[in-house]
Amino acid sequence: MPANAADQSVDQAATGSANDSAARLSAEAQRTFAEVRTRIEQVAQDALEQIRAQSRTYADTAGQQLETAQTYVTERVRERPIAATGAALGVGVLIGLLLSSGRR
């Protein structure tokens, strides 16, 4: 029986060593995942900030273009009010015809 006790002692030592290795690997994996998560969050935040900056630029440009278009249309309507009224009436009739044809 002494041989059996020695085998158990070796098995317990091997099990303890395996458990220690598993615990170290688990801790290292958790640290690695935490680092990766932090890096991903930083990249996502940087990308979001870049998108926000670009969208602000596009919004400003669109706003300026709308103001220019509004000024242009206002000037043309003041130059020819009857033609502008006729054009608006024609567009309204076309839209009405298109919308009503979908109901038939």
N, C-alpha and C. Protein backbone atom coordinates (compact mmCIF):
# COMPACT_ATOMS: atom_id res chain seq x y z
N MET A 1 0.79 -1.20 0.00
CA MET A 1 0.00 0.00 0.00
C MET A 1 0.83 1.27 0.00
N PRO A 2 2.02 1.25 0.45
CA PRO A 2 2.81 2.47 0.40
C PRO A 2 2.96 2.96 -1.04
N ALA A 3 3.02 2.07 -2.00
CA ALA A 3 3.15 2.51 -3.39
C ALA A 3 1.88 3.27 -3.80
N ASN A 4 0.74 2.84 -3.37
CA ASN A 4 -0.52 3.49 -3.69
C ASN A 4 -0.58 4.88 -3.08
N ALA A 5 -0.09 5.06 -1.89
CA ALA A 5 -0.05 6.37 -1.23
C ALA A 5 0.88 7.30 -2.00
N ALA A 6 1.97 6.78 -2.50
CA ALA A 6 2.91 7.59 -3.27
C ALA A 6 2.27 8.03 -4.58
N ASP A 7 1.52 7.12 -5.20
CA ASP A 7 0.82 7.46 -6.44
C ASP A 7 -0.20 8.57 -6.20
N GLN A 8 -0.92 8.48 -5.09
CA GLN A 8 -1.90 9.51 -4.76
C GLN A 8 -1.22 10.85 -4.54
N SER A 9 -0.09 10.83 -3.90
CA SER A 9 0.65 12.06 -3.64
C SER A 9 1.10 12.70 -4.95
N VAL A 10 1.57 11.88 -5.89
CA VAL A 10 2.00 12.38 -7.19
C VAL A 10 0.79 12.92 -7.96
N ASP A 11 -0.34 12.19 -7.90
CA ASP A 11 -1.55 12.62 -8.58
C ASP A 11 -2.05 13.96 -8.02
N GLN A 12 -1.99 14.10 -6.72
CA GLN A 12 -2.44 15.35 -6.10
C GLN A 12 -1.52 16.50 -6.48
N ALA A 13 -0.24 16.25 -6.53
CA ALA A 13 0.71 17.29 -6.92
C ALA A 13 0.47 17.70 -8.37
N ALA A 14 0.25 16.71 -9.23
CA ALA A 14 -0.01 17.00 -10.65
C ALA A 14 -1.32 17.76 -10.80
N THR A 15 -2.33 17.37 -10.03
CA THR A 15 -3.63 18.06 -10.09
C THR A 15 -3.48 19.49 -9.60
N GLY A 16 -2.75 19.68 -8.53
CA GLY A 16 -2.53 21.04 -8.02
C GLY A 16 -1.78 21.88 -9.01
N SER A 17 -0.78 21.31 -9.65
CA SER A 17 -0.01 22.03 -10.66
C SER A 17 -0.88 22.38 -11.86
N ALA A 18 -1.73 21.45 -12.28
CA ALA A 18 -2.64 21.70 -13.40
C ALA A 18 -3.64 22.79 -13.04
N ASN A 19 -4.14 22.75 -11.82
CA ASN A 19 -5.09 23.79 -11.38
C ASN A 19 -4.41 25.15 -11.35
N ASP A 20 -3.17 25.20 -10.87
CA ASP A 20 -2.44 26.47 -10.84
C ASP A 20 -2.22 26.99 -12.26
N SER A 21 -1.84 26.11 -13.15
CA SER A 21 -1.62 26.50 -14.55
C SER A 21 -2.92 27.00 -15.17
N ALA A 22 -4.00 26.31 -14.89
CA ALA A 22 -5.30 26.71 -15.43
C ALA A 22 -5.71 28.07 -14.87
N ALA A 23 -5.45 28.30 -13.59
CA ALA A 23 -5.80 29.58 -12.98
C ALA A 23 -4.97 30.71 -13.59
N ARG A 24 -3.67 30.46 -13.81
CA ARG A 24 -2.82 31.47 -14.42
C ARG A 24 -3.27 31.77 -15.86
N LEU A 25 -3.57 30.73 -16.60
CA LEU A 25 -4.05 30.92 -17.98
C LEU A 25 -5.37 31.68 -18.01
N SER A 26 -6.24 31.37 -17.09
CA SER A 26 -7.53 32.06 -17.01
C SER A 26 -7.34 33.54 -16.68
N ALA A 27 -6.46 33.82 -15.73
CA ALA A 27 -6.20 35.22 -15.37
C ALA A 27 -5.57 35.97 -16.53
N GLU A 28 -4.64 35.34 -17.23
CA GLU A 28 -4.00 35.97 -18.38
C GLU A 28 -5.02 36.22 -19.50
N ALA A 29 -5.89 35.25 -19.73
CA ALA A 29 -6.93 35.42 -20.75
C ALA A 29 -7.86 36.57 -20.38
N GLN A 30 -8.22 36.69 -19.12
CA GLN A 30 -9.09 37.78 -18.69
C GLN A 30 -8.39 39.13 -18.89
N ARG A 31 -7.11 39.23 -18.56
CA ARG A 31 -6.37 40.47 -18.78
C ARG A 31 -6.30 40.80 -20.27
N THR A 32 -6.05 39.80 -21.08
CA THR A 32 -5.98 40.02 -22.53
C THR A 32 -7.32 40.49 -23.07
N PHE A 33 -8.39 39.85 -22.64
CA PHE A 33 -9.73 40.27 -23.10
C PHE A 33 -10.04 41.69 -22.65
N ALA A 34 -9.65 42.05 -21.45
CA ALA A 34 -9.89 43.40 -20.95
C ALA A 34 -9.11 44.42 -21.79
N GLU A 35 -7.87 44.10 -22.14
CA GLU A 35 -7.08 44.99 -22.98
C GLU A 35 -7.69 45.13 -24.38
N VAL A 36 -8.11 44.03 -24.94
CA VAL A 36 -8.72 44.06 -26.27
C VAL A 36 -10.01 44.87 -26.24
N ARG A 37 -10.82 44.66 -25.20
CA ARG A 37 -12.07 45.41 -25.06
C ARG A 37 -11.79 46.92 -24.99
N THR A 38 -10.77 47.29 -24.22
CA THR A 38 -10.41 48.70 -24.09
C THR A 38 -9.97 49.27 -25.44
N ARG A 39 -9.17 48.51 -26.17
CA ARG A 39 -8.73 48.98 -27.49
C ARG A 39 -9.89 49.12 -28.45
N ILE A 40 -10.79 48.16 -28.45
CA ILE A 40 -11.96 48.22 -29.34
C ILE A 40 -12.83 49.42 -28.99
N GLU A 41 -13.04 49.66 -27.70
CA GLU A 41 -13.84 50.81 -27.29
C GLU A 41 -13.20 52.11 -27.75
N GLN A 42 -11.88 52.20 -27.64
CA GLN A 42 -11.18 53.41 -28.07
C GLN A 42 -11.30 53.61 -29.58
N VAL A 43 -11.14 52.55 -30.34
CA VAL A 43 -11.27 52.64 -31.80
C VAL A 43 -12.70 53.05 -32.17
N ALA A 44 -13.68 52.47 -31.51
CA ALA A 44 -15.07 52.82 -31.79
C ALA A 44 -15.35 54.28 -31.44
N GLN A 45 -14.82 54.76 -30.33
CA GLN A 45 -15.02 56.16 -29.95
C GLN A 45 -14.36 57.09 -30.95
N ASP A 46 -13.15 56.75 -31.40
CA ASP A 46 -12.47 57.57 -32.39
C ASP A 46 -13.25 57.62 -33.70
N ALA A 47 -13.74 56.47 -34.13
CA ALA A 47 -14.52 56.41 -35.38
C ALA A 47 -15.81 57.22 -35.24
N LEU A 48 -16.46 57.12 -34.11
CA LEU A 48 -17.70 57.87 -33.89
C LEU A 48 -17.43 59.37 -33.91
N GLU A 49 -16.35 59.80 -33.30
CA GLU A 49 -16.01 61.22 -33.31
C GLU A 49 -15.70 61.70 -34.72
N GLN A 50 -15.03 60.87 -35.50
CA GLN A 50 -14.73 61.24 -36.88
C GLN A 50 -16.02 61.35 -37.70
N ILE A 51 -16.94 60.43 -37.49
CA ILE A 51 -18.22 60.48 -38.19
C ILE A 51 -18.99 61.73 -37.80
N ARG A 52 -18.97 62.06 -36.51
CA ARG A 52 -19.66 63.28 -36.06
C ARG A 52 -19.07 64.52 -36.73
N ALA A 53 -17.75 64.59 -36.80
CA ALA A 53 -17.11 65.75 -37.42
C ALA A 53 -17.48 65.85 -38.90
N GLN A 54 -17.46 64.71 -39.58
CA GLN A 54 -17.82 64.71 -41.00
C GLN A 54 -19.28 65.09 -41.20
N SER A 55 -20.15 64.58 -40.35
CA SER A 55 -21.58 64.89 -40.51
C SER A 55 -21.84 66.37 -40.24
N ARG A 56 -21.10 66.98 -39.29
CA ARG A 56 -21.25 68.41 -39.05
C ARG A 56 -20.84 69.19 -40.30
N THR A 57 -19.76 68.77 -40.94
CA THR A 57 -19.30 69.43 -42.16
C THR A 57 -20.35 69.32 -43.25
N TYR A 58 -20.89 68.11 -43.43
CA TYR A 58 -21.91 67.91 -44.45
C TYR A 58 -23.18 68.70 -44.14
N ALA A 59 -23.56 68.76 -42.89
CA ALA A 59 -24.76 69.51 -42.50
C ALA A 59 -24.57 71.00 -42.76
N ASP A 60 -23.38 71.51 -42.43
CA ASP A 60 -23.10 72.92 -42.70
C ASP A 60 -23.16 73.22 -44.19
N THR A 61 -22.55 72.35 -44.99
CA THR A 61 -22.56 72.53 -46.43
C THR A 61 -23.98 72.47 -46.98
N ALA A 62 -24.75 71.51 -46.51
CA ALA A 62 -26.14 71.38 -46.97
C ALA A 62 -26.95 72.61 -46.58
N GLY A 63 -26.75 73.10 -45.38
CA GLY A 63 -27.46 74.30 -44.93
C GLY A 63 -27.13 75.49 -45.81
N GLN A 64 -25.87 75.65 -46.16
CA GLN A 64 -25.47 76.76 -47.03
C GLN A 64 -26.08 76.61 -48.41
N GLN A 65 -26.11 75.39 -48.93
CA GLN A 65 -26.69 75.17 -50.25
C GLN A 65 -28.19 75.43 -50.24
N LEU A 66 -28.87 75.05 -49.16
CA LEU A 66 -30.30 75.32 -49.05
C LEU A 66 -30.58 76.83 -48.99
N GLU A 67 -29.75 77.56 -48.27
CA GLU A 67 -29.91 79.01 -48.21
C GLU A 67 -29.70 79.63 -49.59
N THR A 68 -28.71 79.15 -50.32
CA THR A 68 -28.45 79.65 -51.67
C THR A 68 -29.63 79.35 -52.59
N ALA A 69 -30.15 78.13 -52.50
CA ALA A 69 -31.30 77.74 -53.33
C ALA A 69 -32.53 78.58 -52.97
N GLN A 70 -32.74 78.81 -51.70
CA GLN A 70 -33.89 79.61 -51.26
C GLN A 70 -33.78 81.04 -51.80
N THR A 71 -32.58 81.60 -51.73
CA THR A 71 -32.37 82.96 -52.25
C THR A 71 -32.63 82.99 -53.74
N TYR A 72 -32.15 81.99 -54.46
CA TYR A 72 -32.35 81.93 -55.91
C TYR A 72 -33.84 81.86 -56.26
N VAL A 73 -34.55 80.96 -55.59
CA VAL A 73 -35.98 80.79 -55.88
C VAL A 73 -36.75 82.06 -55.52
N THR A 74 -36.43 82.67 -54.41
CA THR A 74 -37.11 83.90 -54.00
C THR A 74 -36.90 85.00 -55.03
N GLU A 75 -35.67 85.13 -55.53
CA GLU A 75 -35.39 86.15 -56.55
C GLU A 75 -36.17 85.88 -57.83
N ARG A 76 -36.25 84.61 -58.25
CA ARG A 76 -36.97 84.28 -59.49
C ARG A 76 -38.48 84.52 -59.33
N VAL A 77 -39.00 84.23 -58.17
CA VAL A 77 -40.44 84.46 -57.94
C VAL A 77 -40.73 85.95 -57.95
N ARG A 78 -39.86 86.76 -57.39
CA ARG A 78 -40.06 88.21 -57.41
C ARG A 78 -39.95 88.77 -58.82
N GLU A 79 -39.08 88.18 -59.65
CA GLU A 79 -38.93 88.64 -61.03
C GLU A 79 -40.16 88.29 -61.87
N ARG A 80 -40.69 87.08 -61.68
CA ARG A 80 -41.83 86.61 -62.50
C ARG A 80 -42.85 85.90 -61.61
N PRO A 81 -43.68 86.63 -60.92
CA PRO A 81 -44.62 86.00 -59.99
C PRO A 81 -45.68 85.15 -60.69
N ILE A 82 -46.13 85.57 -61.87
CA ILE A 82 -47.18 84.81 -62.56
C ILE A 82 -46.61 83.49 -63.08
N ALA A 83 -45.42 83.49 -63.63
CA ALA A 83 -44.80 82.26 -64.11
C ALA A 83 -44.54 81.30 -62.95
N ALA A 84 -44.11 81.83 -61.81
CA ALA A 84 -43.86 80.99 -60.64
C ALA A 84 -45.15 80.37 -60.13
N THR A 85 -46.23 81.16 -60.14
CA THR A 85 -47.53 80.62 -59.71
C THR A 85 -47.99 79.52 -60.66
N GLY A 86 -47.82 79.73 -61.97
CA GLY A 86 -48.21 78.71 -62.94
C GLY A 86 -47.38 77.43 -62.78
N ALA A 87 -46.10 77.60 -62.54
CA ALA A 87 -45.24 76.42 -62.36
C ALA A 87 -45.65 75.67 -61.10
N ALA A 88 -45.93 76.37 -60.02
CA ALA A 88 -46.35 75.72 -58.78
C ALA A 88 -47.67 75.00 -58.98
N LEU A 89 -48.59 75.62 -59.72
CA LEU A 89 -49.87 74.99 -60.01
C LEU A 89 -49.67 73.72 -60.83
N GLY A 90 -48.81 73.79 -61.84
CA GLY A 90 -48.53 72.62 -62.67
C GLY A 90 -47.92 71.47 -61.87
N VAL A 91 -46.99 71.78 -61.00
CA VAL A 91 -46.37 70.75 -60.17
C VAL A 91 -47.42 70.14 -59.24
N GLY A 92 -48.29 70.97 -58.68
CA GLY A 92 -49.33 70.47 -57.80
C GLY A 92 -50.29 69.54 -58.51
N VAL A 93 -50.66 69.90 -59.75
CA VAL A 93 -51.56 69.05 -60.53
C VAL A 93 -50.88 67.71 -60.83
N LEU A 94 -49.60 67.73 -61.22
CA LEU A 94 -48.89 66.49 -61.50
C LEU A 94 -48.81 65.59 -60.27
N ILE A 95 -48.50 66.17 -59.15
CA ILE A 95 -48.43 65.37 -57.91
C ILE A 95 -49.80 64.80 -57.58
N GLY A 96 -50.84 65.60 -57.75
CA GLY A 96 -52.21 65.13 -57.49
C GLY A 96 -52.57 63.97 -58.41
N LEU A 97 -52.22 64.08 -59.68
CA LEU A 97 -52.51 62.99 -60.63
C LEU A 97 -51.74 61.71 -60.27
N LEU A 98 -50.50 61.87 -59.92
CA LEU A 98 -49.70 60.70 -59.54
C LEU A 98 -50.25 60.02 -58.28
N LEU A 99 -50.64 60.80 -57.31
CA LEU A 99 -51.19 60.23 -56.08
C LEU A 99 -52.56 59.59 -56.30
N SER A 100 -53.36 60.19 -57.13
CA SER A 100 -54.69 59.63 -57.35
C SER A 100 -54.67 58.39 -58.24
N SER A 101 -53.69 58.28 -59.13
CA SER A 101 -53.61 57.09 -59.99
C SER A 101 -53.26 55.84 -59.18
N GLY A 102 -52.61 56.00 -58.05
CA GLY A 102 -52.26 54.86 -57.21
C GLY A 102 -53.48 54.28 -56.49
N ARG A 103 -54.55 55.02 -56.38
CA ARG A 103 -55.75 54.58 -55.68
C ARG A 103 -56.72 53.81 -56.58
N ARG A 104 -56.53 53.90 -57.87
CA ARG A 104 -57.48 53.26 -58.79
C ARG A 104 -57.25 51.79 -58.91
